[in-house]
Amino acid sequence: MTEVTAYILVAVGFSVVLLWLMRPRHNPPERERLPLDQSFENFIPRHYRFFPQVRQALSAGDHEYLCESAPPHVVKRVMRERREVARRYLAGLREDFSKLERLGRVVAALSPVISREQETERLLLSLKFRVLYSLVFLRISAGPVPIDQIDLLTGLVGRLAVRMEQAIAQINALSEQRLPTGLNA
């Protein structure tokens, strides 16, 4: 009976997502319109670029050296502090992803054509990030820091940042093509 319930819940969830994707697009709500009073700097992600330093601080080799050379109470304290560093880095990644999502909504509002595939891709990417973020946060809280999964999250944010830069460049190129070349109009 529990398998049937699980299948029904998955089917209902899938149907809700499908209906949401098929809804007609209207003007974006006020909160999704281009925030003219905000600086572009508010959309630029900055935390994901520090992953090499975080990786070094959380590396297994560093932990092994610490276990060999420090007393157990120091090792425990350092590992607690390193988990806190990982949590703060994760919070920074979440902030970066949120900024990029907002920027994506602004770019979508400025873009002449938004396909359902792009909207679906954006939704799936957001879902993937949130699920992976939750799993990594739980693993950090439970024990050793999962560097490989943090690397996956960092890669998601980095790829999204690159895609946003490309989308902005495309919009800029389109707007330059539409500008009149002569002033005698």
C-alpha atoms as a PDB file:
ATOM      1  CA  MET A   1       0.000   0.000   0.000  1.00  0.00           C
ATOM      2  CA  THR A   2       2.873   2.410   0.731  1.00  0.00           C
ATOM      3  CA  GLU A   3       4.327   1.934  -2.770  1.00  0.00           C
ATOM      4  CA  VAL A   4       0.998   2.898  -4.317  1.00  0.00           C
ATOM      5  CA  THR A   5       0.848   5.998  -2.134  1.00  0.00           C
ATOM      6  CA  ALA A   6       4.379   6.964  -3.145  1.00  0.00           C
ATOM      7  CA  TYR A   7       3.524   6.559  -6.848  1.00  0.00           C
ATOM      8  CA  ILE A   8       0.409   8.671  -6.423  1.00  0.00           C
ATOM      9  CA  LEU A   9       2.362  11.429  -4.660  1.00  0.00           C
ATOM     10  CA  VAL A  10       5.012  11.440  -7.405  1.00  0.00           C
ATOM     11  CA  ALA A  11       2.322  11.575 -10.104  1.00  0.00           C
ATOM     12  CA  VAL A  12       0.515  14.438  -8.381  1.00  0.00           C
ATOM     13  CA  GLY A  13       3.779  16.343  -7.928  1.00  0.00           C
ATOM     14  CA  PHE A  14       4.717  15.815 -11.560  1.00  0.00           C
ATOM     15  CA  SER A  15       1.260  16.982 -12.664  1.00  0.00           C
ATOM     16  CA  VAL A  16       1.536  20.163 -10.589  1.00  0.00           C
ATOM     17  CA  VAL A  17       4.930  20.978 -12.105  1.00  0.00           C
ATOM     18  CA  LEU A  18       3.632  20.263 -15.598  1.00  0.00           C
ATOM     19  CA  LEU A  19       0.587  22.500 -15.083  1.00  0.00           C
ATOM     20  CA  TRP A  20       2.801  25.262 -13.710  1.00  0.00           C
ATOM     21  CA  LEU A  21       5.013  25.073 -16.792  1.00  0.00           C
ATOM     22  CA  MET A  22       2.025  25.186 -19.127  1.00  0.00           C
ATOM     23  CA  ARG A  23       0.434  28.260 -17.564  1.00  0.00           C
ATOM     24  CA  PRO A  24       0.270  31.332 -19.812  1.00  0.00           C
ATOM     25  CA  ARG A  25       3.019  33.868 -19.270  1.00  0.00           C
ATOM     26  CA  HIS A  26       1.876  37.370 -18.377  1.00  0.00           C
ATOM     27  CA  ASN A  27       3.856  40.406 -17.433  1.00  0.00           C
ATOM     28  CA  PRO A  28       6.182  39.489 -14.610  1.00  0.00           C
ATOM     29  CA  PRO A  29       5.017  40.370 -11.125  1.00  0.00           C
ATOM     30  CA  GLU A  30       6.322  43.571  -9.612  1.00  0.00           C
ATOM     31  CA  ARG A  31       9.012  41.763  -7.641  1.00  0.00           C
ATOM     32  CA  GLU A  32      10.415  40.141 -10.821  1.00  0.00           C
ATOM     33  CA  ARG A  33      10.610  43.317 -12.877  1.00  0.00           C
ATOM     34  CA  LEU A  34      13.968  44.847 -13.556  1.00  0.00           C
ATOM     35  CA  PRO A  35      15.026  46.526 -10.323  1.00  0.00           C
ATOM     36  CA  LEU A  36      16.176  49.844 -11.742  1.00  0.00           C
ATOM     37  CA  ASP A  37      17.078  51.170  -8.318  1.00  0.00           C
ATOM     38  CA  GLN A  38      19.463  48.298  -7.613  1.00  0.00           C
ATOM     39  CA  SER A  39      23.015  48.073  -8.790  1.00  0.00           C
ATOM     40  CA  PHE A  40      24.098  45.269 -11.081  1.00  0.00           C
ATOM     41  CA  GLU A  41      26.593  44.420  -8.345  1.00  0.00           C
ATOM     42  CA  ASN A  42      23.708  42.977  -6.306  1.00  0.00           C
ATOM     43  CA  PHE A  43      23.377  40.166  -8.844  1.00  0.00           C
ATOM     44  CA  ILE A  44      27.035  39.161  -9.093  1.00  0.00           C
ATOM     45  CA  PRO A  45      27.868  35.933  -7.251  1.00  0.00           C
ATOM     46  CA  ARG A  46      31.084  36.049  -5.297  1.00  0.00           C
ATOM     47  CA  HIS A  47      31.309  33.137  -2.866  1.00  0.00           C
ATOM     48  CA  TYR A  48      31.706  30.262  -5.336  1.00  0.00           C
ATOM     49  CA  ARG A  49      35.087  31.624  -6.423  1.00  0.00           C
ATOM     50  CA  PHE A  50      36.614  30.795  -3.052  1.00  0.00           C
ATOM     51  CA  PHE A  51      36.209  27.029  -3.380  1.00  0.00           C
ATOM     52  CA  PRO A  52      39.953  26.314  -3.866  1.00  0.00           C
ATOM     53  CA  GLN A  53      40.695  27.880  -0.470  1.00  0.00           C
ATOM     54  CA  VAL A  54      37.791  26.055   1.172  1.00  0.00           C
ATOM     55  CA  ARG A  55      38.894  22.758  -0.396  1.00  0.00           C
ATOM     56  CA  GLN A  56      42.407  23.224   0.991  1.00  0.00           C
ATOM     57  CA  ALA A  57      41.088  24.003   4.459  1.00  0.00           C
ATOM     58  CA  LEU A  58      38.819  20.949   4.446  1.00  0.00           C
ATOM     59  CA  SER A  59      41.156  18.494   2.727  1.00  0.00           C
ATOM     60  CA  ALA A  60      41.679  14.962   4.042  1.00  0.00           C
ATOM     61  CA  GLY A  61      45.463  15.414   4.048  1.00  0.00           C
ATOM     62  CA  ASP A  62      45.130  18.413   6.302  1.00  0.00           C
ATOM     63  CA  HIS A  63      42.913  16.389   8.638  1.00  0.00           C
ATOM     64  CA  GLU A  64      45.382  13.482   8.716  1.00  0.00           C
ATOM     65  CA  TYR A  65      48.266  15.801   9.555  1.00  0.00           C
ATOM     66  CA  LEU A  66      46.219  17.376  12.325  1.00  0.00           C
ATOM     67  CA  CYS A  67      45.327  13.957  13.800  1.00  0.00           C
ATOM     68  CA  GLU A  68      49.011  12.969  13.845  1.00  0.00           C
ATOM     69  CA  SER A  69      50.353  16.156  15.363  1.00  0.00           C
ATOM     70  CA  ALA A  70      47.672  17.571  17.681  1.00  0.00           C
ATOM     71  CA  PRO A  71      45.995  16.336  20.853  1.00  0.00           C
ATOM     72  CA  PRO A  72      42.483  14.855  20.464  1.00  0.00           C
ATOM     73  CA  HIS A  73      40.684  17.824  22.048  1.00  0.00           C
ATOM     74  CA  VAL A  74      42.350  20.186  19.580  1.00  0.00           C
ATOM     75  CA  VAL A  75      41.395  17.912  16.664  1.00  0.00           C
ATOM     76  CA  LYS A  76      37.755  17.946  17.821  1.00  0.00           C
ATOM     77  CA  ARG A  77      37.716  21.720  18.135  1.00  0.00           C
ATOM     78  CA  VAL A  78      39.329  22.218  14.727  1.00  0.00           C
ATOM     79  CA  MET A  79      36.923  19.798  13.066  1.00  0.00           C
ATOM     80  CA  ARG A  80      33.976  21.627  14.643  1.00  0.00           C
ATOM     81  CA  GLU A  81      35.367  24.919  13.325  1.00  0.00           C
ATOM     82  CA  ARG A  82      35.901  23.420   9.869  1.00  0.00           C
ATOM     83  CA  ARG A  83      32.313  22.194   9.759  1.00  0.00           C
ATOM     84  CA  GLU A  84      31.277  25.750  10.584  1.00  0.00           C
ATOM     85  CA  VAL A  85      33.448  27.046   7.718  1.00  0.00           C
ATOM     86  CA  ALA A  86      31.738  24.545   5.400  1.00  0.00           C
ATOM     87  CA  ARG A  87      28.292  25.653   6.613  1.00  0.00           C
ATOM     88  CA  ARG A  88      29.145  29.307   6.007  1.00  0.00           C
ATOM     89  CA  TYR A  89      30.503  28.505   2.575  1.00  0.00           C
ATOM     90  CA  LEU A  90      27.274  26.617   1.797  1.00  0.00           C
ATOM     91  CA  ALA A  91      25.260  29.637   2.933  1.00  0.00           C
ATOM     92  CA  GLY A  92      27.360  31.757   0.572  1.00  0.00           C
ATOM     93  CA  LEU A  93      26.691  29.333  -2.285  1.00  0.00           C
ATOM     94  CA  ARG A  94      22.969  29.527  -1.546  1.00  0.00           C
ATOM     95  CA  GLU A  95      23.187  33.328  -1.635  1.00  0.00           C
ATOM     96  CA  ASP A  96      25.075  33.199  -4.959  1.00  0.00           C
ATOM     97  CA  PHE A  97      22.486  30.843  -6.426  1.00  0.00           C
ATOM     98  CA  SER A  98      19.630  33.076  -5.251  1.00  0.00           C
ATOM     99  CA  LYS A  99      21.275  36.099  -6.865  1.00  0.00           C
ATOM    100  CA  LEU A 100      21.691  34.209 -10.109  1.00  0.00           C
ATOM    101  CA  GLU A 101      18.065  33.054  -9.990  1.00  0.00           C
ATOM    102  CA  ARG A 102      16.921  36.661  -9.593  1.00  0.00           C
ATOM    103  CA  LEU A 103      19.185  37.686 -12.443  1.00  0.00           C
ATOM    104  CA  GLY A 104      17.738  34.846 -14.528  1.00  0.00           C
ATOM    105  CA  ARG A 105      14.226  36.181 -13.936  1.00  0.00           C
ATOM    106  CA  VAL A 106      15.347  39.660 -14.996  1.00  0.00           C
ATOM    107  CA  VAL A 107      17.042  38.269 -18.106  1.00  0.00           C
ATOM    108  CA  ALA A 108      13.906  36.248 -18.905  1.00  0.00           C
ATOM    109  CA  ALA A 109      11.808  39.410 -18.572  1.00  0.00           C
ATOM    110  CA  LEU A 110      14.134  41.250 -20.968  1.00  0.00           C
ATOM    111  CA  SER A 111      14.469  38.382 -23.422  1.00  0.00           C
ATOM    112  CA  PRO A 112      12.219  38.552 -26.489  1.00  0.00           C
ATOM    113  CA  VAL A 113      11.382  34.841 -26.471  1.00  0.00           C
ATOM    114  CA  ILE A 114      11.434  32.428 -23.563  1.00  0.00           C
ATOM    115  CA  SER A 115      10.868  28.798 -24.440  1.00  0.00           C
ATOM    116  CA  ARG A 116       9.246  26.258 -22.199  1.00  0.00           C
ATOM    117  CA  GLU A 117      12.464  24.208 -22.370  1.00  0.00           C
ATOM    118  CA  GLN A 118      14.411  27.094 -20.854  1.00  0.00           C
ATOM    119  CA  GLU A 119      11.832  27.546 -18.109  1.00  0.00           C
ATOM    120  CA  THR A 120      11.857  23.809 -17.417  1.00  0.00           C
ATOM    121  CA  GLU A 121      15.642  23.761 -17.357  1.00  0.00           C
ATOM    122  CA  ARG A 122      15.699  26.659 -14.900  1.00  0.00           C
ATOM    123  CA  LEU A 123      13.159  24.908 -12.667  1.00  0.00           C
ATOM    124  CA  LEU A 124      15.065  21.610 -12.710  1.00  0.00           C
ATOM    125  CA  LEU A 125      18.359  23.337 -11.987  1.00  0.00           C
ATOM    126  CA  SER A 126      16.804  25.111  -9.036  1.00  0.00           C
ATOM    127  CA  LEU A 127      15.335  21.857  -7.741  1.00  0.00           C
ATOM    128  CA  LYS A 128      18.645  20.040  -8.203  1.00  0.00           C
ATOM    129  CA  PHE A 129      20.524  22.753  -6.321  1.00  0.00           C
ATOM    130  CA  ARG A 130      18.077  22.776  -3.416  1.00  0.00           C
ATOM    131  CA  VAL A 131      18.070  18.999  -3.017  1.00  0.00           C
ATOM    132  CA  LEU A 132      21.852  18.726  -3.219  1.00  0.00           C
ATOM    133  CA  TYR A 133      22.241  21.689  -0.858  1.00  0.00           C
ATOM    134  CA  SER A 134      19.983  20.015   1.717  1.00  0.00           C
ATOM    135  CA  LEU A 135      21.866  16.716   1.468  1.00  0.00           C
ATOM    136  CA  VAL A 136      25.254  18.396   1.839  1.00  0.00           C
ATOM    137  CA  PHE A 137      24.060  20.451   4.799  1.00  0.00           C
ATOM    138  CA  LEU A 138      22.769  17.310   6.526  1.00  0.00           C
ATOM    139  CA  ARG A 139      26.014  15.430   5.849  1.00  0.00           C
ATOM    140  CA  ILE A 140      28.075  18.299   7.263  1.00  0.00           C
ATOM    141  CA  SER A 141      25.927  18.320  10.387  1.00  0.00           C
ATOM    142  CA  ALA A 142      26.233  14.556  10.779  1.00  0.00           C
ATOM    143  CA  GLY A 143      29.952  14.099  10.344  1.00  0.00           C
ATOM    144  CA  PRO A 144      32.777  14.556   7.871  1.00  0.00           C
ATOM    145  CA  VAL A 145      32.583  17.326   5.310  1.00  0.00           C
ATOM    146  CA  PRO A 146      31.688  15.968   1.816  1.00  0.00           C
ATOM    147  CA  ILE A 147      34.151  17.937  -0.329  1.00  0.00           C
ATOM    148  CA  ASP A 148      33.087  16.202  -3.546  1.00  0.00           C
ATOM    149  CA  GLN A 149      29.448  17.211  -3.071  1.00  0.00           C
ATOM    150  CA  ILE A 150      30.422  20.775  -2.180  1.00  0.00           C
ATOM    151  CA  ASP A 151      32.419  20.754  -5.407  1.00  0.00           C
ATOM    152  CA  LEU A 152      29.252  19.714  -7.293  1.00  0.00           C
ATOM    153  CA  LEU A 153      27.302  22.598  -5.758  1.00  0.00           C
ATOM    154  CA  THR A 154      30.094  25.031  -6.578  1.00  0.00           C
ATOM    155  CA  GLY A 155      30.137  23.754 -10.155  1.00  0.00           C
ATOM    156  CA  LEU A 156      26.370  24.280 -10.472  1.00  0.00           C
ATOM    157  CA  VAL A 157      26.696  27.883  -9.324  1.00  0.00           C
ATOM    158  CA  GLY A 158      29.711  28.495 -11.556  1.00  0.00           C
ATOM    159  CA  ARG A 159      28.007  27.083 -14.652  1.00  0.00           C
ATOM    160  CA  LEU A 160      24.888  29.124 -13.947  1.00  0.00           C
ATOM    161  CA  ALA A 161      27.019  32.263 -13.605  1.00  0.00           C
ATOM    162  CA  VAL A 162      28.635  31.592 -16.982  1.00  0.00           C
ATOM    163  CA  ARG A 163      25.240  30.972 -18.589  1.00  0.00           C
ATOM    164  CA  MET A 164      23.890  34.235 -17.176  1.00  0.00           C
ATOM    165  CA  GLU A 165      26.886  36.109 -18.589  1.00  0.00           C
ATOM    166  CA  GLN A 166      26.226  34.529 -21.996  1.00  0.00           C
ATOM    167  CA  ALA A 167      22.510  35.402 -21.855  1.00  0.00           C
ATOM    168  CA  ILE A 168      23.299  39.008 -20.961  1.00  0.00           C
ATOM    169  CA  ALA A 169      25.793  39.189 -23.824  1.00  0.00           C
ATOM    170  CA  GLN A 170      23.136  37.861 -26.226  1.00  0.00           C
ATOM    171  CA  ILE A 171      20.595  40.419 -25.032  1.00  0.00           C
ATOM    172  CA  ASN A 172      23.177  43.187 -25.408  1.00  0.00           C
ATOM    173  CA  ALA A 173      23.975  42.014 -28.939  1.00  0.00           C
ATOM    174  CA  LEU A 174      20.274  41.957 -29.860  1.00  0.00           C
ATOM    175  CA  SER A 175      19.678  45.413 -28.428  1.00  0.00           C
ATOM    176  CA  GLU A 176      22.664  46.827 -30.340  1.00  0.00           C
ATOM    177  CA  GLN A 177      21.281  45.390 -33.585  1.00  0.00           C
ATOM    178  CA  ARG A 178      17.922  47.057 -32.977  1.00  0.00           C
ATOM    179  CA  LEU A 179      19.342  50.516 -32.276  1.00  0.00           C
ATOM    180  CA  PRO A 180      19.115  52.899 -35.235  1.00  0.00           C
ATOM    181  CA  THR A 181      22.465  53.633 -36.844  1.00  0.00           C
ATOM    182  CA  GLY A 182      21.629  57.142 -38.012  1.00  0.00           C
ATOM    183  CA  LEU A 183      20.416  60.133 -36.055  1.00  0.00           C
ATOM    184  CA  ASN A 184      18.341  61.597 -38.904  1.00  0.00           C
ATOM    185  CA  ALA A 185      15.221  59.551 -38.242  1.00  0.00           C
END
